[in-house]
Amino acid sequence: KVAIDTESAVIGRYEDFSAGNDVLIHVSASAKETEYIGKYMVAKILL
């Protein structure tokens, strides 16, 4: 279970963050760490 920043989220024309939708989750930035940058996974929003 995760929470997203709904204030700055951009909602696209065809998909949003609803149950049943597929999402790509990726580690995109860090101030000083690098070990996990670029890692990703695909999951489905269940609820």
PDB file of all heavy atoms in Angstrom:
ATOM      1  N   LYS A   1       0.843  -1.195   0.000  1.00  0.00           N
ATOM      2  CA  LYS A   1       0.000   0.000   0.000  1.00  0.00           C
ATOM      3  C   LYS A   1       0.880   1.247   0.000  1.00  0.00           C
ATOM      4  O   LYS A   1       1.806   1.364   0.798  1.00  0.00           O
ATOM      5  CB  LYS A   1      -0.919   0.025   1.226  1.00  0.00           C
ATOM      6  CG  LYS A   1      -1.964  -1.062   1.206  1.00  0.00           C
ATOM      7  CD  LYS A   1      -2.896  -0.956   2.385  1.00  0.00           C
ATOM      8  CE  LYS A   1      -3.920  -2.084   2.320  1.00  0.00           C
ATOM      9  NZ  LYS A   1      -4.893  -2.007   3.386  1.00  0.00           N
ATOM     10  N   VAL A   2       0.558   2.173  -0.919  1.00  0.00           N
ATOM     11  CA  VAL A   2       1.314   3.411  -1.031  1.00  0.00           C
ATOM     12  C   VAL A   2       0.360   4.590  -1.178  1.00  0.00           C
ATOM     13  O   VAL A   2      -0.798   4.428  -1.569  1.00  0.00           O
ATOM     14  CB  VAL A   2       2.284   3.379  -2.235  1.00  0.00           C
ATOM     15  CG1 VAL A   2       3.327   2.297  -2.059  1.00  0.00           C
ATOM     16  CG2 VAL A   2       1.543   3.220  -3.548  1.00  0.00           C
ATOM     17  N   ALA A   3       0.876   5.772  -0.873  1.00  0.00           N
ATOM     18  CA  ALA A   3       0.134   7.010  -1.097  1.00  0.00           C
ATOM     19  C   ALA A   3       0.888   7.816  -2.147  1.00  0.00           C
ATOM     20  O   ALA A   3       2.125   7.826  -2.165  1.00  0.00           O
ATOM     21  CB  ALA A   3       0.014   7.808   0.196  1.00  0.00           C
ATOM     22  N   ILE A   4       0.143   8.475  -3.025  1.00  0.00           N
ATOM     23  CA  ILE A   4       0.757   9.332  -4.041  1.00  0.00           C
ATOM     24  C   ILE A   4       0.468  10.790  -3.712  1.00  0.00           C
ATOM     25  O   ILE A   4      -0.459  11.112  -2.968  1.00  0.00           O
ATOM     26  CB  ILE A   4       0.252   8.994  -5.460  1.00  0.00           C
ATOM     27  CG1 ILE A   4      -1.270   9.150  -5.553  1.00  0.00           C
ATOM     28  CG2 ILE A   4       0.713   7.612  -5.867  1.00  0.00           C
ATOM     29  CD1 ILE A   4      -1.826   9.005  -6.964  1.00  0.00           C
ATOM     30  N   ASP A   5       1.263  11.673  -4.269  1.00  0.00           N
ATOM     31  CA  ASP A   5       1.079  13.113  -4.098  1.00  0.00           C
ATOM     32  C   ASP A   5      -0.035  13.565  -5.042  1.00  0.00           C
ATOM     33  O   ASP A   5       0.204  13.836  -6.220  1.00  0.00           O
ATOM     34  CB  ASP A   5       2.386  13.833  -4.400  1.00  0.00           C
ATOM     35  CG  ASP A   5       2.289  15.333  -4.224  1.00  0.00           C
ATOM     36  OD1 ASP A   5       1.197  15.846  -3.877  1.00  0.00           O
ATOM     37  OD2 ASP A   5       3.311  16.012  -4.440  1.00  0.00           O
ATOM     38  N   THR A   6      -1.238  13.622  -4.532  1.00  0.00           N
ATOM     39  CA  THR A   6      -2.386  13.975  -5.373  1.00  0.00           C
ATOM     40  C   THR A   6      -2.389  15.452  -5.760  1.00  0.00           C
ATOM     41  O   THR A   6      -3.008  15.826  -6.754  1.00  0.00           O
ATOM     42  CB  THR A   6      -3.713  13.627  -4.670  1.00  0.00           C
ATOM     43  OG1 THR A   6      -3.746  14.280  -3.396  1.00  0.00           O
ATOM     44  CG2 THR A   6      -3.841  12.125  -4.480  1.00  0.00           C
ATOM     45  N   GLU A   7      -1.694  16.290  -4.989  1.00  0.00           N
ATOM     46  CA  GLU A   7      -1.643  17.722  -5.292  1.00  0.00           C
ATOM     47  C   GLU A   7      -0.903  18.003  -6.593  1.00  0.00           C
ATOM     48  O   GLU A   7      -1.298  18.866  -7.363  1.00  0.00           O
ATOM     49  CB  GLU A   7      -0.973  18.483  -4.142  1.00  0.00           C
ATOM     50  CG  GLU A   7      -1.747  18.449  -2.839  1.00  0.00           C
ATOM     51  CD  GLU A   7      -3.057  19.216  -2.928  1.00  0.00           C
ATOM     52  OE1 GLU A   7      -3.061  20.314  -3.505  1.00  0.00           O
ATOM     53  OE2 GLU A   7      -4.071  18.701  -2.414  1.00  0.00           O
ATOM     54  N   SER A   8       0.200  17.285  -6.835  1.00  0.00           N
ATOM     55  CA  SER A   8       0.988  17.546  -8.045  1.00  0.00           C
ATOM     56  C   SER A   8       0.824  16.451  -9.105  1.00  0.00           C
ATOM     57  O   SER A   8       1.492  16.488 -10.136  1.00  0.00           O
ATOM     58  CB  SER A   8       2.469  17.709  -7.696  1.00  0.00           C
ATOM     59  OG  SER A   8       2.976  16.517  -7.147  1.00  0.00           O
ATOM     60  N   ALA A   9      -0.055  15.494  -8.864  1.00  0.00           N
ATOM     61  CA  ALA A   9      -0.285  14.424  -9.845  1.00  0.00           C
ATOM     62  C   ALA A   9      -0.848  15.008 -11.134  1.00  0.00           C
ATOM     63  O   ALA A   9      -1.598  15.983 -11.125  1.00  0.00           O
ATOM     64  CB  ALA A   9      -1.259  13.399  -9.275  1.00  0.00           C
ATOM     65  N   VAL A  10      -0.464  14.414 -12.245  1.00  0.00           N
ATOM     66  CA  VAL A  10      -1.010  14.791 -13.548  1.00  0.00           C
ATOM     67  C   VAL A  10      -1.882  13.630 -14.000  1.00  0.00           C
ATOM     68  O   VAL A  10      -1.420  12.496 -14.106  1.00  0.00           O
ATOM     69  CB  VAL A  10       0.113  15.059 -14.569  1.00  0.00           C
ATOM     70  CG1 VAL A  10      -0.466  15.290 -15.954  1.00  0.00           C
ATOM     71  CG2 VAL A  10       0.952  16.244 -14.122  1.00  0.00           C
ATOM     72  N   ILE A  11      -3.155  13.904 -14.229  1.00  0.00           N
ATOM     73  CA  ILE A  11      -4.091  12.863 -14.631  1.00  0.00           C
ATOM     74  C   ILE A  11      -4.244  12.903 -16.147  1.00  0.00           C
ATOM     75  O   ILE A  11      -4.627  13.910 -16.721  1.00  0.00           O
ATOM     76  CB  ILE A  11      -5.465  13.039 -13.941  1.00  0.00           C
ATOM     77  CG1 ILE A  11      -5.310  13.062 -12.418  1.00  0.00           C
ATOM     78  CG2 ILE A  11      -6.428  11.943 -14.390  1.00  0.00           C
ATOM     79  CD1 ILE A  11      -4.659  11.810 -11.841  1.00  0.00           C
ATOM     80  N   GLY A  12      -3.923  11.778 -16.768  1.00  0.00           N
ATOM     81  CA  GLY A  12      -3.960  11.686 -18.222  1.00  0.00           C
ATOM     82  C   GLY A  12      -5.360  11.507 -18.766  1.00  0.00           C
ATOM     83  O   GLY A  12      -6.324  11.298 -18.024  1.00  0.00           O
ATOM     84  N   ARG A  13      -5.443  11.560 -20.065  1.00  0.00           N
ATOM     85  CA  ARG A  13      -6.746  11.474 -20.733  1.00  0.00           C
ATOM     86  C   ARG A  13      -7.338  10.066 -20.690  1.00  0.00           C
ATOM     87  O   ARG A  13      -8.549   9.895 -20.658  1.00  0.00           O
ATOM     88  CB  ARG A  13      -6.590  11.922 -22.175  1.00  0.00           C
ATOM     89  CG  ARG A  13      -7.869  11.805 -22.957  1.00  0.00           C
ATOM     90  CD  ARG A  13      -7.779  12.528 -24.253  1.00  0.00           C
ATOM     91  NE  ARG A  13      -9.022  12.344 -24.989  1.00  0.00           N
ATOM     92  CZ  ARG A  13      -9.325  13.021 -26.065  1.00  0.00           C
ATOM     93  NH1 ARG A  13      -8.507  13.918 -26.517  1.00  0.00           N
ATOM     94  NH2 ARG A  13     -10.445  12.787 -26.692  1.00  0.00           N
ATOM     95  N   TYR A  14      -6.485   9.029 -20.699  1.00  0.00           N
ATOM     96  CA  TYR A  14      -6.997   7.680 -20.853  1.00  0.00           C
ATOM     97  C   TYR A  14      -6.942   6.811 -19.610  1.00  0.00           C
ATOM     98  O   TYR A  14      -7.636   5.825 -19.532  1.00  0.00           O
ATOM     99  CB  TYR A  14      -6.285   6.975 -22.007  1.00  0.00           C
ATOM    100  CG  TYR A  14      -6.564   7.642 -23.318  1.00  0.00           C
ATOM    101  CD1 TYR A  14      -5.613   8.426 -23.936  1.00  0.00           C
ATOM    102  CD2 TYR A  14      -7.812   7.532 -23.914  1.00  0.00           C
ATOM    103  CE1 TYR A  14      -5.888   9.060 -25.138  1.00  0.00           C
ATOM    104  CE2 TYR A  14      -8.102   8.162 -25.109  1.00  0.00           C
ATOM    105  CZ  TYR A  14      -7.136   8.932 -25.713  1.00  0.00           C
ATOM    106  OH  TYR A  14      -7.409   9.564 -26.891  1.00  0.00           O
ATOM    107  N   GLU A  15      -6.078   7.108 -18.674  1.00  0.00           N
ATOM    108  CA  GLU A  15      -5.960   6.269 -17.479  1.00  0.00           C
ATOM    109  C   GLU A  15      -5.727   7.144 -16.261  1.00  0.00           C
ATOM    110  O   GLU A  15      -5.145   8.218 -16.358  1.00  0.00           O
ATOM    111  CB  GLU A  15      -4.797   5.282 -17.599  1.00  0.00           C
ATOM    112  CG  GLU A  15      -4.970   4.258 -18.689  1.00  0.00           C
ATOM    113  CD  GLU A  15      -5.923   3.134 -18.336  1.00  0.00           C
ATOM    114  OE1 GLU A  15      -6.747   3.280 -17.410  1.00  0.00           O
ATOM    115  OE2 GLU A  15      -5.860   2.096 -19.003  1.00  0.00           O
ATOM    116  N   ASP A  16      -6.175   6.674 -15.110  1.00  0.00           N
ATOM    117  CA  ASP A  16      -5.883   7.365 -13.865  1.00  0.00           C
ATOM    118  C   ASP A  16      -5.468   6.319 -12.834  1.00  0.00           C
ATOM    119  O   ASP A  16      -5.159   5.189 -13.178  1.00  0.00           O
ATOM    120  CB  ASP A  16      -7.071   8.206 -13.400  1.00  0.00           C
ATOM    121  CG  ASP A  16      -8.316   7.365 -13.136  1.00  0.00           C
ATOM    122  OD1 ASP A  16      -8.213   6.130 -13.030  1.00  0.00           O
ATOM    123  OD2 ASP A  16      -9.404   7.952 -13.027  1.00  0.00           O
ATOM    124  N   PHE A  17      -5.462   6.680 -11.591  1.00  0.00           N
ATOM    125  CA  PHE A  17      -5.005   5.789 -10.528  1.00  0.00           C
ATOM    126  C   PHE A  17      -6.174   5.060  -9.873  1.00  0.00           C
ATOM    127  O   PHE A  17      -6.371   5.106  -8.674  1.00  0.00           O
ATOM    128  CB  PHE A  17      -4.178   6.573  -9.509  1.00  0.00           C
ATOM    129  CG  PHE A  17      -2.963   7.201 -10.132  1.00  0.00           C
ATOM    130  CD1 PHE A  17      -2.905   8.558 -10.376  1.00  0.00           C
ATOM    131  CD2 PHE A  17      -1.893   6.421 -10.506  1.00  0.00           C
ATOM    132  CE1 PHE A  17      -1.793   9.127 -10.962  1.00  0.00           C
ATOM    133  CE2 PHE A  17      -0.772   6.975 -11.103  1.00  0.00           C
ATOM    134  CZ  PHE A  17      -0.724   8.332 -11.331  1.00  0.00           C
ATOM    135  N   SER A  18      -6.956   4.386 -10.695  1.00  0.00           N
ATOM    136  CA  SER A  18      -8.125   3.648 -10.239  1.00  0.00           C
ATOM    137  C   SER A  18      -7.827   2.155 -10.155  1.00  0.00           C
ATOM    138  O   SER A  18      -6.922   1.654 -10.824  1.00  0.00           O
ATOM    139  CB  SER A  18      -9.301   3.846 -11.208  1.00  0.00           C
ATOM    140  OG  SER A  18      -9.656   5.196 -11.285  1.00  0.00           O
ATOM    141  N   ALA A  19      -8.618   1.457  -9.355  1.00  0.00           N
ATOM    142  CA  ALA A  19      -8.486   0.001  -9.237  1.00  0.00           C
ATOM    143  C   ALA A  19      -8.617  -0.640 -10.610  1.00  0.00           C
ATOM    144  O   ALA A  19      -9.456  -0.245 -11.419  1.00  0.00           O
ATOM    145  CB  ALA A  19      -9.542  -0.545  -8.285  1.00  0.00           C
ATOM    146  N   GLY A  20      -7.759  -1.599 -10.877  1.00  0.00           N
ATOM    147  CA  GLY A  20      -7.772  -2.322 -12.137  1.00  0.00           C
ATOM    148  C   GLY A  20      -6.773  -1.806 -13.150  1.00  0.00           C
ATOM    149  O   GLY A  20      -6.489  -2.477 -14.139  1.00  0.00           O
ATOM    150  N   ASN A  21      -6.234  -0.616 -12.926  1.00  0.00           N
ATOM    151  CA  ASN A  21      -5.291  -0.045 -13.878  1.00  0.00           C
ATOM    152  C   ASN A  21      -3.867  -0.523 -13.610  1.00  0.00           C
ATOM    153  O   ASN A  21      -3.458  -0.704 -12.468  1.00  0.00           O
ATOM    154  CB  ASN A  21      -5.344   1.480 -13.862  1.00  0.00           C
ATOM    155  CG  ASN A  21      -6.610   2.009 -14.504  1.00  0.00           C
ATOM    156  OD1 ASN A  21      -7.309   1.276 -15.198  1.00  0.00           O
ATOM    157  ND2 ASN A  21      -6.911   3.267 -14.277  1.00  0.00           N
ATOM    158  N   ASP A  22      -3.120  -0.708 -14.693  1.00  0.00           N
ATOM    159  CA  ASP A  22      -1.716  -1.106 -14.612  1.00  0.00           C
ATOM    160  C   ASP A  22      -0.847   0.127 -14.457  1.00  0.00           C
ATOM    161  O   ASP A  22      -1.134   1.174 -15.059  1.00  0.00           O
ATOM    162  CB  ASP A  22      -1.311  -1.846 -15.887  1.00  0.00           C
ATOM    163  CG  ASP A  22      -2.070  -3.135 -16.063  1.00  0.00           C
ATOM    164  OD1 ASP A  22      -2.071  -3.947 -15.118  1.00  0.00           O
ATOM    165  OD2 ASP A  22      -2.670  -3.343 -17.137  1.00  0.00           O
ATOM    166  N   VAL A  23       0.224  -0.004 -13.675  1.00  0.00           N
ATOM    167  CA  VAL A  23       1.137   1.109 -13.464  1.00  0.00           C
ATOM    168  C   VAL A  23       2.586   0.643 -13.547  1.00  0.00           C
ATOM    169  O   VAL A  23       2.907  -0.500 -13.218  1.00  0.00           O
ATOM    170  CB  VAL A  23       0.907   1.809 -12.097  1.00  0.00           C
ATOM    171  CG1 VAL A  23      -0.416   2.554 -12.082  1.00  0.00           C
ATOM    172  CG2 VAL A  23       0.979   0.828 -10.938  1.00  0.00           C
ATOM    173  N   LEU A  24       3.431   1.535 -14.002  1.00  0.00           N
ATOM    174  CA  LEU A  24       4.871   1.358 -13.966  1.00  0.00           C
ATOM    175  C   LEU A  24       5.375   2.203 -12.806  1.00  0.00           C
ATOM    176  O   LEU A  24       5.006   3.376 -12.692  1.00  0.00           O
ATOM    177  CB  LEU A  24       5.501   1.843 -15.272  1.00  0.00           C
ATOM    178  CG  LEU A  24       7.018   1.943 -15.291  1.00  0.00           C
ATOM    179  CD1 LEU A  24       7.641   0.557 -15.348  1.00  0.00           C
ATOM    180  CD2 LEU A  24       7.488   2.794 -16.455  1.00  0.00           C
ATOM    181  N   ILE A  25       6.154   1.601 -11.933  1.00  0.00           N
ATOM    182  CA  ILE A  25       6.719   2.325 -10.796  1.00  0.00           C
ATOM    183  C   ILE A  25       8.225   2.314 -10.977  1.00  0.00           C
ATOM    184  O   ILE A  25       8.822   1.256 -11.189  1.00  0.00           O
ATOM    185  CB  ILE A  25       6.333   1.662  -9.466  1.00  0.00           C
ATOM    186  CG1 ILE A  25       4.810   1.637  -9.333  1.00  0.00           C
ATOM    187  CG2 ILE A  25       6.981   2.391  -8.292  1.00  0.00           C
ATOM    188  CD1 ILE A  25       4.302   0.735  -8.232  1.00  0.00           C
ATOM    189  N   HIS A  26       8.826   3.496 -10.923  1.00  0.00           N
ATOM    190  CA  HIS A  26      10.277   3.524 -11.109  1.00  0.00           C
ATOM    191  C   HIS A  26      10.946   4.469 -10.116  1.00  0.00           C
ATOM    192  O   HIS A  26      10.353   5.427  -9.638  1.00  0.00           O
ATOM    193  CB  HIS A  26      10.658   3.871 -12.550  1.00  0.00           C
ATOM    194  CG  HIS A  26      10.232   5.233 -12.995  1.00  0.00           C
ATOM    195  ND1 HIS A  26      11.030   6.333 -12.890  1.00  0.00           N
ATOM    196  CD2 HIS A  26       9.090   5.648 -13.557  1.00  0.00           C
ATOM    197  CE1 HIS A  26      10.410   7.389 -13.372  1.00  0.00           C
ATOM    198  NE2 HIS A  26       9.221   6.991 -13.780  1.00  0.00           N
ATOM    199  N   VAL A  27      12.195   4.138  -9.821  1.00  0.00           N
ATOM    200  CA  VAL A  27      13.021   4.963  -8.939  1.00  0.00           C
ATOM    201  C   VAL A  27      13.698   5.973  -9.847  1.00  0.00           C
ATOM    202  O   VAL A  27      14.540   5.614 -10.663  1.00  0.00           O
ATOM    203  CB  VAL A  27      14.059   4.108  -8.186  1.00  0.00           C
ATOM    204  CG1 VAL A  27      14.848   4.971  -7.223  1.00  0.00           C
ATOM    205  CG2 VAL A  27      13.383   2.955  -7.452  1.00  0.00           C
ATOM    206  N   SER A  28      13.319   7.238  -9.732  1.00  0.00           N
ATOM    207  CA  SER A  28      13.719   8.210 -10.742  1.00  0.00           C
ATOM    208  C   SER A  28      14.742   9.240 -10.299  1.00  0.00           C
ATOM    209  O   SER A  28      15.370   9.860 -11.155  1.00  0.00           O
ATOM    210  CB  SER A  28      12.484   8.918 -11.297  1.00  0.00           C
ATOM    211  OG  SER A  28      11.724   9.477 -10.263  1.00  0.00           O
ATOM    212  N   ALA A  29      14.917   9.454  -9.015  1.00  0.00           N
ATOM    213  CA  ALA A  29      15.862  10.491  -8.593  1.00  0.00           C
ATOM    214  C   ALA A  29      16.283  10.294  -7.146  1.00  0.00           C
ATOM    215  O   ALA A  29      15.617   9.606  -6.373  1.00  0.00           O
ATOM    216  CB  ALA A  29      15.228  11.877  -8.767  1.00  0.00           C
ATOM    217  N   SER A  30      17.395  10.926  -6.812  1.00  0.00           N
ATOM    218  CA  SER A  30      17.893  10.930  -5.445  1.00  0.00           C
ATOM    219  C   SER A  30      18.851  12.092  -5.289  1.00  0.00           C
ATOM    220  O   SER A  30      19.563  12.454  -6.236  1.00  0.00           O
ATOM    221  CB  SER A  30      18.615   9.623  -5.116  1.00  0.00           C
ATOM    222  OG  SER A  30      19.169   9.691  -3.811  1.00  0.00           O
ATOM    223  N   ALA A  31      18.889  12.661  -4.097  1.00  0.00           N
ATOM    224  CA  ALA A  31      19.803  13.766  -3.834  1.00  0.00           C
ATOM    225  C   ALA A  31      21.254  13.291  -3.786  1.00  0.00           C
ATOM    226  O   ALA A  31      22.155  13.990  -4.208  1.00  0.00           O
ATOM    227  CB  ALA A  31      19.428  14.468  -2.535  1.00  0.00           C
ATOM    228  N   LYS A  32      21.472  12.071  -3.249  1.00  0.00           N
ATOM    229  CA  LYS A  32      22.855  11.620  -3.118  1.00  0.00           C
ATOM    230  C   LYS A  32      23.053  10.120  -3.338  1.00  0.00           C
ATOM    231  O   LYS A  32      24.154   9.678  -3.619  1.00  0.00           O
ATOM    232  CB  LYS A  32      23.405  11.989  -1.743  1.00  0.00           C
ATOM    233  CG  LYS A  32      22.636  11.370  -0.582  1.00  0.00           C
ATOM    234  CD  LYS A  32      23.212  11.801   0.746  1.00  0.00           C
ATOM    235  CE  LYS A  32      22.424  11.172   1.876  1.00  0.00           C
ATOM    236  NZ  LYS A  32      22.977  11.467   3.159  1.00  0.00           N
ATOM    237  N   GLU A  33      22.015   9.323  -3.246  1.00  0.00           N
ATOM    238  CA  GLU A  33      22.135   7.871  -3.400  1.00  0.00           C
ATOM    239  C   GLU A  33      21.967   7.476  -4.870  1.00  0.00           C
ATOM    240  O   GLU A  33      21.283   8.154  -5.624  1.00  0.00           O
ATOM    241  CB  GLU A  33      21.085   7.159  -2.548  1.00  0.00           C
ATOM    242  CG  GLU A  33      21.133   7.506  -1.074  1.00  0.00           C
ATOM    243  CD  GLU A  33      22.394   7.011  -0.379  1.00  0.00           C
ATOM    244  OE1 GLU A  33      22.973   6.002  -0.822  1.00  0.00           O
ATOM    245  OE2 GLU A  33      22.816   7.647   0.596  1.00  0.00           O
ATOM    246  N   THR A  34      22.567   6.373  -5.273  1.00  0.00           N
ATOM    247  CA  THR A  34      22.458   5.949  -6.674  1.00  0.00           C
ATOM    248  C   THR A  34      22.126   4.468  -6.847  1.00  0.00           C
ATOM    249  O   THR A  34      21.774   4.049  -7.943  1.00  0.00           O
ATOM    250  CB  THR A  34      23.775   6.222  -7.427  1.00  0.00           C
ATOM    251  OG1 THR A  34      24.831   5.502  -6.789  1.00  0.00           O
ATOM    252  CG2 THR A  34      24.098   7.702  -7.462  1.00  0.00           C
ATOM    253  N   GLU A  35      22.212   3.682  -5.805  1.00  0.00           N
ATOM    254  CA  GLU A  35      22.085   2.230  -5.929  1.00  0.00           C
ATOM    255  C   GLU A  35      20.780   1.783  -6.587  1.00  0.00           C
ATOM    256  O   GLU A  35      20.755   0.840  -7.381  1.00  0.00           O
ATOM    257  CB  GLU A  35      22.208   1.568  -4.555  1.00  0.00           C
ATOM    258  CG  GLU A  35      22.138   0.062  -4.610  1.00  0.00           C
ATOM    259  CD  GLU A  35      22.319  -0.605  -3.249  1.00  0.00           C
ATOM    260  OE1 GLU A  35      22.572   0.095  -2.251  1.00  0.00           O
ATOM    261  OE2 GLU A  35      22.187  -1.827  -3.197  1.00  0.00           O
ATOM    262  N   TYR A  36      19.666   2.453  -6.287  1.00  0.00           N
ATOM    263  CA  TYR A  36      18.361   2.000  -6.782  1.00  0.00           C
ATOM    264  C   TYR A  36      17.827   2.813  -7.959  1.00  0.00           C
ATOM    265  O   TYR A  36      16.781   2.468  -8.506  1.00  0.00           O
ATOM    266  CB  TYR A  36      17.348   2.000  -5.636  1.00  0.00           C
ATOM    267  CG  TYR A  36      17.711   0.996  -4.566  1.00  0.00           C
ATOM    268  CD1 TYR A  36      18.383   1.399  -3.413  1.00  0.00           C
ATOM    269  CD2 TYR A  36      17.441  -0.356  -4.734  1.00  0.00           C
ATOM    270  CE1 TYR A  36      18.749   0.471  -2.440  1.00  0.00           C
ATOM    271  CE2 TYR A  36      17.804  -1.284  -3.772  1.00  0.00           C
ATOM    272  CZ  TYR A  36      18.457  -0.865  -2.637  1.00  0.00           C
ATOM    273  OH  TYR A  36      18.831  -1.791  -1.681  1.00  0.00           O
ATOM    274  N   ILE A  37      18.507   3.869  -8.371  1.00  0.00           N
ATOM    275  CA  ILE A  37      18.024   4.689  -9.483  1.00  0.00           C
ATOM    276  C   ILE A  37      17.918   3.850 -10.752  1.00  0.00           C
ATOM    277  O   ILE A  37      18.819   3.094 -11.088  1.00  0.00           O
ATOM    278  CB  ILE A  37      18.926   5.917  -9.700  1.00  0.00           C
ATOM    279  CG1 ILE A  37      18.710   6.906  -8.553  1.00  0.00           C
ATOM    280  CG2 ILE A  37      18.640   6.594 -11.038  1.00  0.00           C
ATOM    281  CD1 ILE A  37      19.504   8.174  -8.666  1.00  0.00           C
ATOM    282  N   GLY A  38      16.796   3.974 -11.436  1.00  0.00           N
ATOM    283  CA  GLY A  38      16.553   3.251 -12.679  1.00  0.00           C
ATOM    284  C   GLY A  38      15.814   1.943 -12.501  1.00  0.00           C
ATOM    285  O   GLY A  38      15.319   1.383 -13.464  1.00  0.00           O
ATOM    286  N   LYS A  39      15.712   1.460 -11.288  1.00  0.00           N
ATOM    287  CA  LYS A  39      14.973   0.208 -11.066  1.00  0.00           C
ATOM    288  C   LYS A  39      13.476   0.487 -11.240  1.00  0.00           C
ATOM    289  O   LYS A  39      12.992   1.578 -10.948  1.00  0.00           O
ATOM    290  CB  LYS A  39      15.267  -0.345  -9.679  1.00  0.00           C
ATOM    291  CG  LYS A  39      16.712  -0.795  -9.541  1.00  0.00           C
ATOM    292  CD  LYS A  39      16.937  -1.540  -8.257  1.00  0.00           C
ATOM    293  CE  LYS A  39      18.371  -1.973  -8.166  1.00  0.00           C
ATOM    294  NZ  LYS A  39      18.617  -3.305  -8.595  1.00  0.00           N
ATOM    295  N   TYR A  40      12.752  -0.528 -11.703  1.00  0.00           N
ATOM    296  CA  TYR A  40      11.321  -0.341 -11.940  1.00  0.00           C
ATOM    297  C   TYR A  40      10.584  -1.670 -11.788  1.00  0.00           C
ATOM    298  O   TYR A  40      11.192  -2.732 -11.768  1.00  0.00           O
ATOM    299  CB  TYR A  40      11.069   0.224 -13.341  1.00  0.00           C
ATOM    300  CG  TYR A  40      11.420  -0.737 -14.445  1.00  0.00           C
ATOM    301  CD1 TYR A  40      10.453  -1.582 -14.973  1.00  0.00           C
ATOM    302  CD2 TYR A  40      12.715  -0.829 -14.941  1.00  0.00           C
ATOM    303  CE1 TYR A  40      10.759  -2.488 -15.972  1.00  0.00           C
ATOM    304  CE2 TYR A  40      13.036  -1.724 -15.952  1.00  0.00           C
ATOM    305  CZ  TYR A  40      12.061  -2.546 -16.455  1.00  0.00           C
ATOM    306  OH  TYR A  40      12.373  -3.429 -17.445  1.00  0.00           O
ATOM    307  N   MET A  41       9.272  -1.569 -11.696  1.00  0.00           N
ATOM    308  CA  MET A  41       8.411  -2.747 -11.709  1.00  0.00           C
ATOM    309  C   MET A  41       7.053  -2.347 -12.259  1.00  0.00           C
ATOM    310  O   MET A  41       6.693  -1.175 -12.256  1.00  0.00           O
ATOM    311  CB  MET A  41       8.281  -3.372 -10.322  1.00  0.00           C
ATOM    312  CG  MET A  41       7.474  -2.602  -9.327  1.00  0.00           C
ATOM    313  SD  MET A  41       7.401  -3.522  -7.764  1.00  0.00           S
ATOM    314  CE  MET A  41       6.270  -2.510  -6.837  1.00  0.00           C
ATOM    315  N   VAL A  42       6.332  -3.339 -12.738  1.00  0.00           N
ATOM    316  CA  VAL A  42       4.971  -3.132 -13.223  1.00  0.00           C
ATOM    317  C   VAL A  42       4.035  -3.818 -12.242  1.00  0.00           C
ATOM    318  O   VAL A  42       4.285  -4.943 -11.812  1.00  0.00           O
ATOM    319  CB  VAL A  42       4.793  -3.715 -14.639  1.00  0.00           C
ATOM    320  CG1 VAL A  42       3.341  -3.607 -15.084  1.00  0.00           C
ATOM    321  CG2 VAL A  42       5.712  -3.012 -15.622  1.00  0.00           C
ATOM    322  N   ALA A  43       2.969  -3.128 -11.846  1.00  0.00           N
ATOM    323  CA  ALA A  43       1.991  -3.679 -10.907  1.00  0.00           C
ATOM    324  C   ALA A  43       0.594  -3.250 -11.342  1.00  0.00           C
ATOM    325  O   ALA A  43       0.431  -2.412 -12.223  1.00  0.00           O
ATOM    326  CB  ALA A  43       2.287  -3.192  -9.485  1.00  0.00           C
ATOM    327  N   LYS A  44      -0.386  -3.820 -10.703  1.00  0.00           N
ATOM    328  CA  LYS A  44      -1.785  -3.448 -10.939  1.00  0.00           C
ATOM    329  C   LYS A  44      -2.319  -2.809  -9.661  1.00  0.00           C
ATOM    330  O   LYS A  44      -1.994  -3.243  -8.561  1.00  0.00           O
ATOM    331  CB  LYS A  44      -2.610  -4.686 -11.290  1.00  0.00           C
ATOM    332  CG  LYS A  44      -4.064  -4.365 -11.635  1.00  0.00           C
ATOM    333  CD  LYS A  44      -4.826  -5.586 -12.070  1.00  0.00           C
ATOM    334  CE  LYS A  44      -4.445  -6.095 -13.412  1.00  0.00           C
ATOM    335  NZ  LYS A  44      -4.748  -5.265 -14.563  1.00  0.00           N
ATOM    336  N   ILE A  45      -3.113  -1.763  -9.806  1.00  0.00           N
ATOM    337  CA  ILE A  45      -3.793  -1.168  -8.658  1.00  0.00           C
ATOM    338  C   ILE A  45      -4.999  -2.042  -8.342  1.00  0.00           C
ATOM    339  O   ILE A  45      -5.890  -2.215  -9.177  1.00  0.00           O
ATOM    340  CB  ILE A  45      -4.241   0.281  -8.939  1.00  0.00           C
ATOM    341  CG1 ILE A  45      -3.020   1.164  -9.227  1.00  0.00           C
ATOM    342  CG2 ILE A  45      -5.042   0.830  -7.759  1.00  0.00           C
ATOM    343  CD1 ILE A  45      -3.374   2.569  -9.671  1.00  0.00           C
ATOM    344  N   LEU A  46      -5.018  -2.624  -7.159  1.00  0.00           N
ATOM    345  CA  LEU A  46      -6.114  -3.506  -6.762  1.00  0.00           C
ATOM    346  C   LEU A  46      -7.242  -2.746  -6.075  1.00  0.00           C
ATOM    347  O   LEU A  46      -8.409  -3.108  -6.197  1.00  0.00           O
ATOM    348  CB  LEU A  46      -5.593  -4.604  -5.836  1.00  0.00           C
ATOM    349  CG  LEU A  46      -4.492  -5.504  -6.410  1.00  0.00           C
ATOM    350  CD1 LEU A  46      -4.018  -6.498  -5.358  1.00  0.00           C
ATOM    351  CD2 LEU A  46      -4.988  -6.219  -7.664  1.00  0.00           C
ATOM    352  N   LEU A  47      -6.875  -1.683  -5.334  1.00  0.00           N
ATOM    353  CA  LEU A  47      -7.863  -0.948  -4.544  1.00  0.00           C
ATOM    354  C   LEU A  47      -7.364   0.461  -4.301  1.00  0.00           C
ATOM    355  O   LEU A  47      -6.173   0.675  -4.072  1.00  0.00           O
ATOM    356  CB  LEU A  47      -8.072  -1.666  -3.203  1.00  0.00           C
ATOM    357  CG  LEU A  47      -9.106  -1.100  -2.235  1.00  0.00           C
ATOM    358  CD1 LEU A  47     -10.511  -1.229  -2.805  1.00  0.00           C
ATOM    359  CD2 LEU A  47      -9.016  -1.829  -0.900  1.00  0.00           C
TER     360      LEU A  47
END
